[in-house]
ModelCIF file with pLDDT and N, C-alpha, C, O atoms, coordinates in Angstrom:
data_MODEL
#
_entry.id   MODEL 
#
_entity.id                         1 
_entity.type                       polymer 
_entity.pdbx_number_of_molecules   1 
#
_entity_poly.entity_id                      1 
_entity_poly.type                           'polypeptide(L)' 
_entity_poly.nstd_linkage                   no 
_entity_poly.nstd_monomer                   no 
_entity_poly.pdbx_seq_one_letter_code       RFITHFWVWIETLSLQIKDSMCGFRVYPLEAYAELIKQ 
_entity_poly.pdbx_seq_one_letter_code_can   RFITHFWVWIETLSLQIKDSMCGFRVYPLEAYAELIKQ 
_entity_poly.pdbx_strand_id                 A 
#
loop_
_entity_poly_seq.entity_id 
_entity_poly_seq.num 
_entity_poly_seq.mon_id 
_entity_poly_seq.hetero 
1 1  ARG n 
1 2  PHE n 
1 3  ILE n 
1 4  THR n 
1 5  HIS n 
1 6  PHE n 
1 7  TRP n 
1 8  VAL n 
1 9  TRP n 
1 10 ILE n 
1 11 GLU n 
1 12 THR n 
1 13 LEU n 
1 14 SER n 
1 15 LEU n 
1 16 GLN n 
1 17 ILE n 
1 18 LYS n 
1 19 ASP n 
1 20 SER n 
1 21 MET n 
1 22 CYS n 
1 23 GLY n 
1 24 PHE n 
1 25 ARG n 
1 26 VAL n 
1 27 TYR n 
1 28 PRO n 
1 29 LEU n 
1 30 GLU n 
1 31 ALA n 
1 32 TYR n 
1 33 ALA n 
1 34 GLU n 
1 35 LEU n 
1 36 ILE n 
1 37 LYS n 
1 38 GLN n 
#
_struct_asym.id          A 
_struct_asym.entity_id   1 
#
loop_
_ma_qa_metric.id 
_ma_qa_metric.mode 
_ma_qa_metric.name 
_ma_qa_metric.software_group_id 
_ma_qa_metric.type 
1 global pLDDT . pLDDT 
2 local  pLDDT . pLDDT 
#
_ma_qa_metric_global.metric_id      1 
_ma_qa_metric_global.metric_value   93.58 
_ma_qa_metric_global.model_id       1 
_ma_qa_metric_global.ordinal_id     1 
#
loop_
_ma_qa_metric_local.label_asym_id 
_ma_qa_metric_local.label_comp_id 
_ma_qa_metric_local.label_seq_id 
_ma_qa_metric_local.metric_id 
_ma_qa_metric_local.metric_value 
_ma_qa_metric_local.model_id 
_ma_qa_metric_local.ordinal_id 
A ARG 1  2 76.00 1 1  
A PHE 2  2 80.00 1 2  
A ILE 3  2 87.00 1 3  
A THR 4  2 89.00 1 4  
A HIS 5  2 91.00 1 5  
A PHE 6  2 92.00 1 6  
A TRP 7  2 93.00 1 7  
A VAL 8  2 95.00 1 8  
A TRP 9  2 94.00 1 9  
A ILE 10 2 96.00 1 10 
A GLU 11 2 96.00 1 11 
A THR 12 2 96.00 1 12 
A LEU 13 2 94.00 1 13 
A SER 14 2 93.00 1 14 
A LEU 15 2 92.00 1 15 
A GLN 16 2 92.00 1 16 
A ILE 17 2 94.00 1 17 
A LYS 18 2 92.00 1 18 
A ASP 19 2 93.00 1 19 
A SER 20 2 92.00 1 20 
A MET 21 2 90.00 1 21 
A CYS 22 2 91.00 1 22 
A GLY 23 2 90.00 1 23 
A PHE 24 2 95.00 1 24 
A ARG 25 2 97.00 1 25 
A VAL 26 2 98.00 1 26 
A TYR 27 2 98.00 1 27 
A PRO 28 2 98.00 1 28 
A LEU 29 2 98.00 1 29 
A GLU 30 2 98.00 1 30 
A ALA 31 2 98.00 1 31 
A TYR 32 2 98.00 1 32 
A ALA 33 2 98.00 1 33 
A GLU 34 2 97.00 1 34 
A LEU 35 2 98.00 1 35 
A ILE 36 2 97.00 1 36 
A LYS 37 2 96.00 1 37 
A GLN 38 2 94.00 1 38 
#
loop_
_atom_site.group_PDB 
_atom_site.id 
_atom_site.type_symbol 
_atom_site.label_atom_id 
_atom_site.label_alt_id 
_atom_site.label_comp_id 
_atom_site.label_asym_id 
_atom_site.label_entity_id 
_atom_site.label_seq_id 
_atom_site.pdbx_PDB_ins_code 
_atom_site.Cartn_x 
_atom_site.Cartn_y 
_atom_site.Cartn_z 
_atom_site.occupancy 
_atom_site.B_iso_or_equiv 
_atom_site.pdbx_formal_charge 
_atom_site.auth_seq_id 
_atom_site.auth_comp_id 
_atom_site.auth_asym_id 
_atom_site.auth_atom_id 
_atom_site.pdbx_PDB_model_num 
ATOM 1   N N  . ARG A 1 1  ? -14.931 -25.837 59.798 1.00 76.00 ? 1  ARG A N  1 
ATOM 2   C CA . ARG A 1 1  ? -15.493 -26.373 58.597 1.00 76.00 ? 1  ARG A CA 1 
ATOM 3   C C  . ARG A 1 1  ? -16.843 -27.881 59.622 1.00 76.00 ? 1  ARG A C  1 
ATOM 4   O O  . ARG A 1 1  ? -17.995 -28.018 60.033 1.00 76.00 ? 1  ARG A O  1 
ATOM 5   N N  . PHE A 1 2  ? -14.969 -28.895 59.453 1.00 80.00 ? 2  PHE A N  1 
ATOM 6   C CA . PHE A 1 2  ? -15.560 -30.152 59.798 1.00 80.00 ? 2  PHE A CA 1 
ATOM 7   C C  . PHE A 1 2  ? -15.694 -30.054 61.160 1.00 80.00 ? 2  PHE A C  1 
ATOM 8   O O  . PHE A 1 2  ? -16.724 -30.566 61.599 1.00 80.00 ? 2  PHE A O  1 
ATOM 9   N N  . ILE A 1 3  ? -14.763 -29.415 62.163 1.00 87.00 ? 3  ILE A N  1 
ATOM 10  C CA . ILE A 1 3  ? -15.704 -29.090 63.979 1.00 87.00 ? 3  ILE A CA 1 
ATOM 11  C C  . ILE A 1 3  ? -17.095 -29.270 63.904 1.00 87.00 ? 3  ILE A C  1 
ATOM 12  O O  . ILE A 1 3  ? -17.773 -30.173 64.393 1.00 87.00 ? 3  ILE A O  1 
ATOM 13  N N  . THR A 1 4  ? -17.493 -28.145 63.124 1.00 89.00 ? 4  THR A N  1 
ATOM 14  C CA . THR A 1 4  ? -18.725 -27.757 62.540 1.00 89.00 ? 4  THR A CA 1 
ATOM 15  C C  . THR A 1 4  ? -19.529 -28.767 62.886 1.00 89.00 ? 4  THR A C  1 
ATOM 16  O O  . THR A 1 4  ? -20.012 -29.122 63.961 1.00 89.00 ? 4  THR A O  1 
ATOM 17  N N  . HIS A 1 5  ? -19.589 -29.174 61.779 1.00 91.00 ? 5  HIS A N  1 
ATOM 18  C CA . HIS A 1 5  ? -20.476 -30.541 61.598 1.00 91.00 ? 5  HIS A CA 1 
ATOM 19  C C  . HIS A 1 5  ? -19.825 -31.758 62.236 1.00 91.00 ? 5  HIS A C  1 
ATOM 20  O O  . HIS A 1 5  ? -20.707 -32.583 61.996 1.00 91.00 ? 5  HIS A O  1 
ATOM 21  N N  . PHE A 1 6  ? -19.372 -32.081 62.549 1.00 92.00 ? 6  PHE A N  1 
ATOM 22  C CA . PHE A 1 6  ? -18.674 -33.612 64.007 1.00 92.00 ? 6  PHE A CA 1 
ATOM 23  C C  . PHE A 1 6  ? -19.919 -32.769 64.853 1.00 92.00 ? 6  PHE A C  1 
ATOM 24  O O  . PHE A 1 6  ? -21.108 -33.003 64.634 1.00 92.00 ? 6  PHE A O  1 
ATOM 25  N N  . TRP A 1 7  ? -19.425 -31.707 65.899 1.00 93.00 ? 7  TRP A N  1 
ATOM 26  C CA . TRP A 1 7  ? -20.453 -31.302 66.721 1.00 93.00 ? 7  TRP A CA 1 
ATOM 27  C C  . TRP A 1 7  ? -22.113 -31.371 66.589 1.00 93.00 ? 7  TRP A C  1 
ATOM 28  O O  . TRP A 1 7  ? -22.803 -31.664 67.566 1.00 93.00 ? 7  TRP A O  1 
ATOM 29  N N  . VAL A 1 8  ? -22.574 -31.131 65.537 1.00 95.00 ? 8  VAL A N  1 
ATOM 30  C CA . VAL A 1 8  ? -24.189 -30.965 65.417 1.00 95.00 ? 8  VAL A CA 1 
ATOM 31  C C  . VAL A 1 8  ? -24.220 -32.498 64.327 1.00 95.00 ? 8  VAL A C  1 
ATOM 32  O O  . VAL A 1 8  ? -24.923 -32.672 63.331 1.00 95.00 ? 8  VAL A O  1 
ATOM 33  N N  . TRP A 1 9  ? -23.439 -33.229 64.799 1.00 94.00 ? 9  TRP A N  1 
ATOM 34  C CA . TRP A 1 9  ? -22.973 -35.129 64.330 1.00 94.00 ? 9  TRP A CA 1 
ATOM 35  C C  . TRP A 1 9  ? -23.826 -35.307 65.837 1.00 94.00 ? 9  TRP A C  1 
ATOM 36  O O  . TRP A 1 9  ? -24.929 -35.851 65.895 1.00 94.00 ? 9  TRP A O  1 
ATOM 37  N N  . ILE A 1 10 ? -23.388 -34.969 66.558 1.00 96.00 ? 10 ILE A N  1 
ATOM 38  C CA . ILE A 1 10 ? -23.301 -35.478 68.049 1.00 96.00 ? 10 ILE A CA 1 
ATOM 39  C C  . ILE A 1 10 ? -25.121 -34.576 68.342 1.00 96.00 ? 10 ILE A C  1 
ATOM 40  O O  . ILE A 1 10 ? -26.167 -35.212 68.465 1.00 96.00 ? 10 ILE A O  1 
ATOM 41  N N  . GLU A 1 11 ? -25.040 -33.439 68.376 1.00 96.00 ? 11 GLU A N  1 
ATOM 42  C CA . GLU A 1 11 ? -25.995 -32.684 68.521 1.00 96.00 ? 11 GLU A CA 1 
ATOM 43  C C  . GLU A 1 11 ? -27.542 -33.696 68.500 1.00 96.00 ? 11 GLU A C  1 
ATOM 44  O O  . GLU A 1 11 ? -28.340 -34.160 69.315 1.00 96.00 ? 11 GLU A O  1 
ATOM 45  N N  . THR A 1 12 ? -27.323 -33.661 66.975 1.00 96.00 ? 12 THR A N  1 
ATOM 46  C CA . THR A 1 12 ? -28.150 -33.563 67.042 1.00 96.00 ? 12 THR A CA 1 
ATOM 47  C C  . THR A 1 12 ? -29.267 -35.582 66.415 1.00 96.00 ? 12 THR A C  1 
ATOM 48  O O  . THR A 1 12 ? -30.155 -36.124 65.757 1.00 96.00 ? 12 THR A O  1 
ATOM 49  N N  . LEU A 1 13 ? -27.970 -35.720 67.512 1.00 94.00 ? 13 LEU A N  1 
ATOM 50  C CA . LEU A 1 13 ? -27.632 -38.054 67.720 1.00 94.00 ? 13 LEU A CA 1 
ATOM 51  C C  . LEU A 1 13 ? -28.313 -38.234 65.418 1.00 94.00 ? 13 LEU A C  1 
ATOM 52  O O  . LEU A 1 13 ? -29.290 -38.914 65.101 1.00 94.00 ? 13 LEU A O  1 
ATOM 53  N N  . SER A 1 14 ? -27.464 -37.461 64.403 1.00 93.00 ? 14 SER A N  1 
ATOM 54  C CA . SER A 1 14 ? -28.012 -38.328 63.198 1.00 93.00 ? 14 SER A CA 1 
ATOM 55  C C  . SER A 1 14 ? -27.073 -37.028 62.476 1.00 93.00 ? 14 SER A C  1 
ATOM 56  O O  . SER A 1 14 ? -26.761 -35.932 62.941 1.00 93.00 ? 14 SER A O  1 
ATOM 57  N N  . LEU A 1 15 ? -26.826 -37.561 61.356 1.00 92.00 ? 15 LEU A N  1 
ATOM 58  C CA . LEU A 1 15 ? -25.858 -37.279 59.911 1.00 92.00 ? 15 LEU A CA 1 
ATOM 59  C C  . LEU A 1 15 ? -27.268 -36.537 59.065 1.00 92.00 ? 15 LEU A C  1 
ATOM 60  O O  . LEU A 1 15 ? -27.260 -36.505 57.835 1.00 92.00 ? 15 LEU A O  1 
ATOM 61  N N  . GLN A 1 16 ? -28.359 -36.002 59.801 1.00 92.00 ? 16 GLN A N  1 
ATOM 62  C CA . GLN A 1 16 ? -28.723 -35.667 58.162 1.00 92.00 ? 16 GLN A CA 1 
ATOM 63  C C  . GLN A 1 16 ? -28.903 -35.410 57.711 1.00 92.00 ? 16 GLN A C  1 
ATOM 64  O O  . GLN A 1 16 ? -29.303 -35.694 56.582 1.00 92.00 ? 16 GLN A O  1 
ATOM 65  N N  . ILE A 1 17 ? -28.607 -34.007 58.717 1.00 94.00 ? 17 ILE A N  1 
ATOM 66  C CA . ILE A 1 17 ? -27.474 -32.329 59.012 1.00 94.00 ? 17 ILE A CA 1 
ATOM 67  C C  . ILE A 1 17 ? -26.238 -32.261 58.383 1.00 94.00 ? 17 ILE A C  1 
ATOM 68  O O  . ILE A 1 17 ? -25.120 -32.302 58.897 1.00 94.00 ? 17 ILE A O  1 
ATOM 69  N N  . LYS A 1 18 ? -26.581 -32.142 57.122 1.00 92.00 ? 18 LYS A N  1 
ATOM 70  C CA . LYS A 1 18 ? -24.632 -32.035 56.188 1.00 92.00 ? 18 LYS A CA 1 
ATOM 71  C C  . LYS A 1 18 ? -23.866 -31.117 56.339 1.00 92.00 ? 18 LYS A C  1 
ATOM 72  O O  . LYS A 1 18 ? -22.650 -30.929 56.303 1.00 92.00 ? 18 LYS A O  1 
ATOM 73  N N  . ASP A 1 19 ? -25.163 -30.317 56.595 1.00 93.00 ? 19 ASP A N  1 
ATOM 74  C CA . ASP A 1 19 ? -24.246 -28.755 56.570 1.00 93.00 ? 19 ASP A CA 1 
ATOM 75  C C  . ASP A 1 19 ? -25.219 -28.300 58.363 1.00 93.00 ? 19 ASP A C  1 
ATOM 76  O O  . ASP A 1 19 ? -26.071 -28.755 59.126 1.00 93.00 ? 19 ASP A O  1 
ATOM 77  N N  . SER A 1 20 ? -24.141 -26.927 58.152 1.00 92.00 ? 20 SER A N  1 
ATOM 78  C CA . SER A 1 20 ? -24.841 -25.905 59.344 1.00 92.00 ? 20 SER A CA 1 
ATOM 79  C C  . SER A 1 20 ? -24.837 -24.920 59.215 1.00 92.00 ? 20 SER A C  1 
ATOM 80  O O  . SER A 1 20 ? -25.544 -24.124 59.833 1.00 92.00 ? 20 SER A O  1 
ATOM 81  N N  . MET A 1 21 ? -23.526 -24.495 57.830 1.00 90.00 ? 21 MET A N  1 
ATOM 82  C CA . MET A 1 21 ? -22.863 -22.956 58.324 1.00 90.00 ? 21 MET A CA 1 
ATOM 83  C C  . MET A 1 21 ? -23.654 -22.238 56.870 1.00 90.00 ? 21 MET A C  1 
ATOM 84  O O  . MET A 1 21 ? -23.807 -21.028 56.704 1.00 90.00 ? 21 MET A O  1 
ATOM 85  N N  . CYS A 1 22 ? -24.151 -23.479 55.774 1.00 91.00 ? 22 CYS A N  1 
ATOM 86  C CA . CYS A 1 22 ? -23.852 -21.785 54.151 1.00 91.00 ? 22 CYS A CA 1 
ATOM 87  C C  . CYS A 1 22 ? -25.631 -21.514 54.709 1.00 91.00 ? 22 CYS A C  1 
ATOM 88  O O  . CYS A 1 22 ? -26.630 -22.170 55.005 1.00 91.00 ? 22 CYS A O  1 
ATOM 89  N N  . GLY A 1 23 ? -25.187 -20.153 54.601 1.00 90.00 ? 23 GLY A N  1 
ATOM 90  C CA . GLY A 1 23 ? -26.505 -19.005 54.288 1.00 90.00 ? 23 GLY A CA 1 
ATOM 91  C C  . GLY A 1 23 ? -27.091 -18.909 53.348 1.00 90.00 ? 23 GLY A C  1 
ATOM 92  O O  . GLY A 1 23 ? -27.570 -17.842 52.964 1.00 90.00 ? 23 GLY A O  1 
ATOM 93  N N  . PHE A 1 24 ? -27.205 -20.107 52.690 1.00 95.00 ? 24 PHE A N  1 
ATOM 94  C CA . PHE A 1 24 ? -27.973 -20.083 51.466 1.00 95.00 ? 24 PHE A CA 1 
ATOM 95  C C  . PHE A 1 24 ? -29.606 -20.937 52.172 1.00 95.00 ? 24 PHE A C  1 
ATOM 96  O O  . PHE A 1 24 ? -29.450 -22.153 52.291 1.00 95.00 ? 24 PHE A O  1 
ATOM 97  N N  . ARG A 1 25 ? -30.665 -20.552 52.496 1.00 97.00 ? 25 ARG A N  1 
ATOM 98  C CA . ARG A 1 25 ? -32.096 -21.573 52.641 1.00 97.00 ? 25 ARG A CA 1 
ATOM 99  C C  . ARG A 1 25 ? -33.190 -20.337 52.732 1.00 97.00 ? 25 ARG A C  1 
ATOM 100 O O  . ARG A 1 25 ? -33.624 -19.186 52.799 1.00 97.00 ? 25 ARG A O  1 
ATOM 101 N N  . VAL A 1 26 ? -33.181 -21.858 52.661 1.00 98.00 ? 26 VAL A N  1 
ATOM 102 C CA . VAL A 1 26 ? -35.741 -21.357 52.632 1.00 98.00 ? 26 VAL A CA 1 
ATOM 103 C C  . VAL A 1 26 ? -36.262 -21.659 53.757 1.00 98.00 ? 26 VAL A C  1 
ATOM 104 O O  . VAL A 1 26 ? -36.528 -22.841 53.970 1.00 98.00 ? 26 VAL A O  1 
ATOM 105 N N  . TYR A 1 27 ? -36.534 -20.657 54.753 1.00 98.00 ? 27 TYR A N  1 
ATOM 106 C CA . TYR A 1 27 ? -36.891 -20.687 55.889 1.00 98.00 ? 27 TYR A CA 1 
ATOM 107 C C  . TYR A 1 27 ? -37.950 -21.028 55.727 1.00 98.00 ? 27 TYR A C  1 
ATOM 108 O O  . TYR A 1 27 ? -38.266 -20.825 54.555 1.00 98.00 ? 27 TYR A O  1 
ATOM 109 N N  . PRO A 1 28 ? -39.458 -21.875 56.824 1.00 98.00 ? 28 PRO A N  1 
ATOM 110 C CA . PRO A 1 28 ? -40.302 -21.620 57.106 1.00 98.00 ? 28 PRO A CA 1 
ATOM 111 C C  . PRO A 1 28 ? -40.447 -21.234 57.883 1.00 98.00 ? 28 PRO A C  1 
ATOM 112 O O  . PRO A 1 28 ? -39.859 -21.515 58.928 1.00 98.00 ? 28 PRO A O  1 
ATOM 113 N N  . LEU A 1 29 ? -41.541 -20.174 57.701 1.00 98.00 ? 29 LEU A N  1 
ATOM 114 C CA . LEU A 1 29 ? -41.026 -19.221 58.833 1.00 98.00 ? 29 LEU A CA 1 
ATOM 115 C C  . LEU A 1 29 ? -42.367 -19.295 59.857 1.00 98.00 ? 29 LEU A C  1 
ATOM 116 O O  . LEU A 1 29 ? -42.204 -18.680 60.911 1.00 98.00 ? 29 LEU A O  1 
ATOM 117 N N  . GLU A 1 30 ? -44.047 -20.159 59.638 1.00 98.00 ? 30 GLU A N  1 
ATOM 118 C CA . GLU A 1 30 ? -44.561 -20.854 60.836 1.00 98.00 ? 30 GLU A CA 1 
ATOM 119 C C  . GLU A 1 30 ? -43.372 -21.350 61.655 1.00 98.00 ? 30 GLU A C  1 
ATOM 120 O O  . GLU A 1 30 ? -43.002 -20.709 62.639 1.00 98.00 ? 30 GLU A O  1 
ATOM 121 N N  . ALA A 1 31 ? -42.742 -22.516 61.260 1.00 98.00 ? 31 ALA A N  1 
ATOM 122 C CA . ALA A 1 31 ? -42.211 -23.277 62.610 1.00 98.00 ? 31 ALA A CA 1 
ATOM 123 C C  . ALA A 1 31 ? -41.101 -21.805 63.449 1.00 98.00 ? 31 ALA A C  1 
ATOM 124 O O  . ALA A 1 31 ? -41.273 -21.328 64.570 1.00 98.00 ? 31 ALA A O  1 
ATOM 125 N N  . TYR A 1 32 ? -40.079 -21.438 62.468 1.00 98.00 ? 32 TYR A N  1 
ATOM 126 C CA . TYR A 1 32 ? -39.155 -19.810 62.681 1.00 98.00 ? 32 TYR A CA 1 
ATOM 127 C C  . TYR A 1 32 ? -39.894 -19.859 63.130 1.00 98.00 ? 32 TYR A C  1 
ATOM 128 O O  . TYR A 1 32 ? -40.060 -20.882 63.795 1.00 98.00 ? 32 TYR A O  1 
ATOM 129 N N  . ALA A 1 33 ? -41.653 -18.110 63.156 1.00 98.00 ? 33 ALA A N  1 
ATOM 130 C CA . ALA A 1 33 ? -42.074 -18.490 64.216 1.00 98.00 ? 33 ALA A CA 1 
ATOM 131 C C  . ALA A 1 33 ? -42.409 -18.191 65.955 1.00 98.00 ? 33 ALA A C  1 
ATOM 132 O O  . ALA A 1 33 ? -42.662 -17.245 66.701 1.00 98.00 ? 33 ALA A O  1 
ATOM 133 N N  . GLU A 1 34 ? -42.168 -20.076 66.018 1.00 97.00 ? 34 GLU A N  1 
ATOM 134 C CA . GLU A 1 34 ? -42.520 -21.029 66.815 1.00 97.00 ? 34 GLU A CA 1 
ATOM 135 C C  . GLU A 1 34 ? -41.279 -21.072 67.536 1.00 97.00 ? 34 GLU A C  1 
ATOM 136 O O  . GLU A 1 34 ? -41.394 -21.153 68.759 1.00 97.00 ? 34 GLU A O  1 
ATOM 137 N N  . LEU A 1 35 ? -40.232 -21.039 67.106 1.00 98.00 ? 35 LEU A N  1 
ATOM 138 C CA . LEU A 1 35 ? -38.845 -21.661 67.736 1.00 98.00 ? 35 LEU A CA 1 
ATOM 139 C C  . LEU A 1 35 ? -38.610 -20.304 68.218 1.00 98.00 ? 35 LEU A C  1 
ATOM 140 O O  . LEU A 1 35 ? -37.962 -20.319 69.264 1.00 98.00 ? 35 LEU A O  1 
ATOM 141 N N  . ILE A 1 36 ? -39.042 -18.667 67.645 1.00 97.00 ? 36 ILE A N  1 
ATOM 142 C CA . ILE A 1 36 ? -38.216 -17.659 68.232 1.00 97.00 ? 36 ILE A CA 1 
ATOM 143 C C  . ILE A 1 36 ? -39.233 -17.466 70.064 1.00 97.00 ? 36 ILE A C  1 
ATOM 144 O O  . ILE A 1 36 ? -38.973 -16.650 70.948 1.00 97.00 ? 36 ILE A O  1 
ATOM 145 N N  . LYS A 1 37 ? -39.903 -18.111 70.066 1.00 96.00 ? 37 LYS A N  1 
ATOM 146 C CA . LYS A 1 37 ? -40.527 -17.604 70.806 1.00 96.00 ? 37 LYS A CA 1 
ATOM 147 C C  . LYS A 1 37 ? -39.797 -18.571 72.946 1.00 96.00 ? 37 LYS A C  1 
ATOM 148 O O  . LYS A 1 37 ? -39.595 -18.460 74.155 1.00 96.00 ? 37 LYS A O  1 
ATOM 149 N N  . GLN A 1 38 ? -39.787 -19.570 71.385 1.00 94.00 ? 38 GLN A N  1 
ATOM 150 C CA . GLN A 1 38 ? -38.827 -20.047 73.423 1.00 94.00 ? 38 GLN A CA 1 
ATOM 151 C C  . GLN A 1 38 ? -37.803 -19.759 73.180 1.00 94.00 ? 38 GLN A C  1 
ATOM 152 O O  . GLN A 1 38 ? -36.916 -19.859 74.027 1.00 94.00 ? 38 GLN A O  1 
#
């Protein structure tokens, strides 16, 4: 998992994303709907 953590930090230029692989989430659906349009 740490390999993905490393690349995500580079891809976001941020350490804000602590873990990007956990499937336990609450999605704001308006933002999600906007994303999948693009």
